Amino acid sequence: MAIEKEENLPYMVIPVDMEDGTQIECEVLAIFPVGGKQYIALIDKDNDDSDIWLYRFVPVGDEEFNIEDIEDDKEFELVEDAFNKMVESAEIDAVIDEKE
């Protein structure tokens, strides 16, 4: 999977396969480290009421990567806390404001 910056959009977009077999184009809100691993925060680019999804971000090459579900509750809580702190400190506030 590769992140694509669409020419007419101010953000990066990736396709995400959902559990029900559908695919959703998601905006990348942030890629950030927690405990020595990388994580990615995504939101459905076509749904203003979408939840924010958090996944483990695993680089595979220079421009390729995989995203993995975070299945461990403690790991998810750490990632969620780190993401919320980024939002609170306004590090990604501008991106979220643009979607609203």
Protein backbone atom coordinates (compact mmCIF):
# COMPACT_ATOMS: atom_id res chain seq x y z
CA MET A 1 0.00 0.00 0.00
CA ALA A 2 1.27 3.51 -0.75
CA ILE A 3 0.16 6.91 0.41
CA GLU A 4 -1.01 9.07 -2.47
CA LYS A 5 -1.25 12.85 -2.42
CA GLU A 6 -4.06 13.72 -4.78
CA GLU A 7 -3.37 16.91 -6.70
CA ASN A 8 -6.68 18.54 -5.86
CA LEU A 9 -6.68 17.55 -2.18
CA PRO A 10 -4.59 19.13 0.62
CA TYR A 11 -4.03 15.78 2.33
CA MET A 12 -2.81 12.22 1.72
CA VAL A 13 -5.34 9.47 0.96
CA ILE A 14 -5.09 5.68 1.25
CA PRO A 15 -7.62 2.92 0.56
CA VAL A 16 -8.53 0.82 3.60
CA ASP A 17 -10.22 -2.59 3.41
CA MET A 18 -12.96 -2.82 6.03
CA GLU A 19 -14.10 -5.99 7.82
CA ASP A 20 -17.29 -6.14 5.75
CA GLY A 21 -15.28 -6.35 2.51
CA THR A 22 -15.82 -2.74 1.44
CA GLN A 23 -12.99 -0.34 0.75
CA ILE A 24 -12.94 3.23 2.04
CA GLU A 25 -10.71 6.09 0.91
CA CYS A 26 -9.21 7.49 4.09
CA GLU A 27 -7.46 10.75 4.81
CA VAL A 28 -4.21 10.42 6.75
CA LEU A 29 -4.46 12.63 9.83
CA ALA A 30 -1.11 11.65 11.36
CA ILE A 31 1.65 9.08 11.45
CA PHE A 32 3.26 9.06 14.89
CA PRO A 33 5.50 6.96 17.15
CA VAL A 34 4.46 5.28 20.40
CA GLY A 35 6.78 2.97 22.32
CA GLY A 36 9.17 2.37 19.44
CA LYS A 37 6.44 1.54 16.91
CA GLN A 38 4.69 3.70 14.32
CA TYR A 39 0.95 4.28 14.17
CA ILE A 40 -1.41 5.98 11.73
CA ALA A 41 -4.64 7.91 12.35
CA LEU A 42 -7.18 7.82 9.52
CA ILE A 43 -10.62 9.25 8.79
CA ASP A 44 -13.09 8.52 5.97
CA LYS A 45 -12.50 11.35 3.49
CA ASP A 46 -16.09 11.25 2.22
CA ASN A 47 -17.93 11.12 5.56
CA ASP A 48 -17.71 14.16 7.83
CA ASP A 49 -19.26 12.15 10.69
CA SER A 50 -16.68 9.37 10.49
CA ASP A 51 -14.82 8.04 13.49
CA ILE A 52 -11.05 8.32 13.58
CA TRP A 53 -9.39 4.94 13.09
CA LEU A 54 -6.02 4.05 14.60
CA TYR A 55 -3.79 1.35 13.12
CA ARG A 56 -0.22 0.13 13.48
CA PHE A 57 1.86 1.53 10.60
CA VAL A 58 4.52 -0.87 9.30
CA PRO A 59 6.92 0.46 6.63
CA VAL A 60 7.78 -2.20 4.03
CA GLY A 61 9.99 -0.13 1.74
CA ASP A 62 10.74 3.46 0.86
CA GLU A 63 7.17 4.27 -0.16
CA GLU A 64 5.30 1.08 0.74
CA PHE A 65 3.70 0.13 4.05
CA ASN A 66 1.11 -2.08 5.70
CA ILE A 67 -1.45 -1.13 8.31
CA GLU A 68 -2.38 -3.62 11.01
CA ASP A 69 -5.22 -3.73 13.50
CA ILE A 70 -4.25 -2.97 17.08
CA GLU A 71 -5.71 -5.97 18.88
CA ASP A 72 -4.13 -5.52 22.31
CA ASP A 73 -6.29 -3.26 24.52
CA LYS A 74 -3.32 -1.82 26.44
CA GLU A 75 -1.47 -1.01 23.23
CA PHE A 76 -4.59 0.63 21.79
CA GLU A 77 -5.04 2.76 24.92
CA LEU A 78 -1.42 3.98 24.68
CA VAL A 79 -1.87 4.86 21.01
CA GLU A 80 -5.22 6.55 21.63
CA ASP A 81 -3.73 8.60 24.48
CA ALA A 82 -0.78 9.68 22.32
CA PHE A 83 -3.12 10.68 19.49
CA ASN A 84 -5.40 12.63 21.85
CA LYS A 85 -2.37 14.49 23.26
CA MET A 86 -1.37 15.47 19.72
CA VAL A 87 -4.88 16.80 19.10
CA GLU A 88 -4.90 18.67 22.42
CA SER A 89 -1.53 20.26 21.68
CA ALA A 90 -2.89 21.41 18.28
CA GLU A 91 -0.25 19.44 16.36
CA ILE A 92 -2.95 18.14 14.02
CA ASP A 93 -5.75 20.53 14.91
CA ALA A 94 -5.55 22.32 11.55
CA VAL A 95 -6.11 19.08 9.67
CA ILE A 96 -9.20 18.19 11.71
CA ASP A 97 -10.57 21.74 11.43
CA GLU A 98 -10.32 21.55 7.63
CA LYS A 99 -12.63 18.49 7.63
CA GLU A 100 -15.31 20.11 9.81
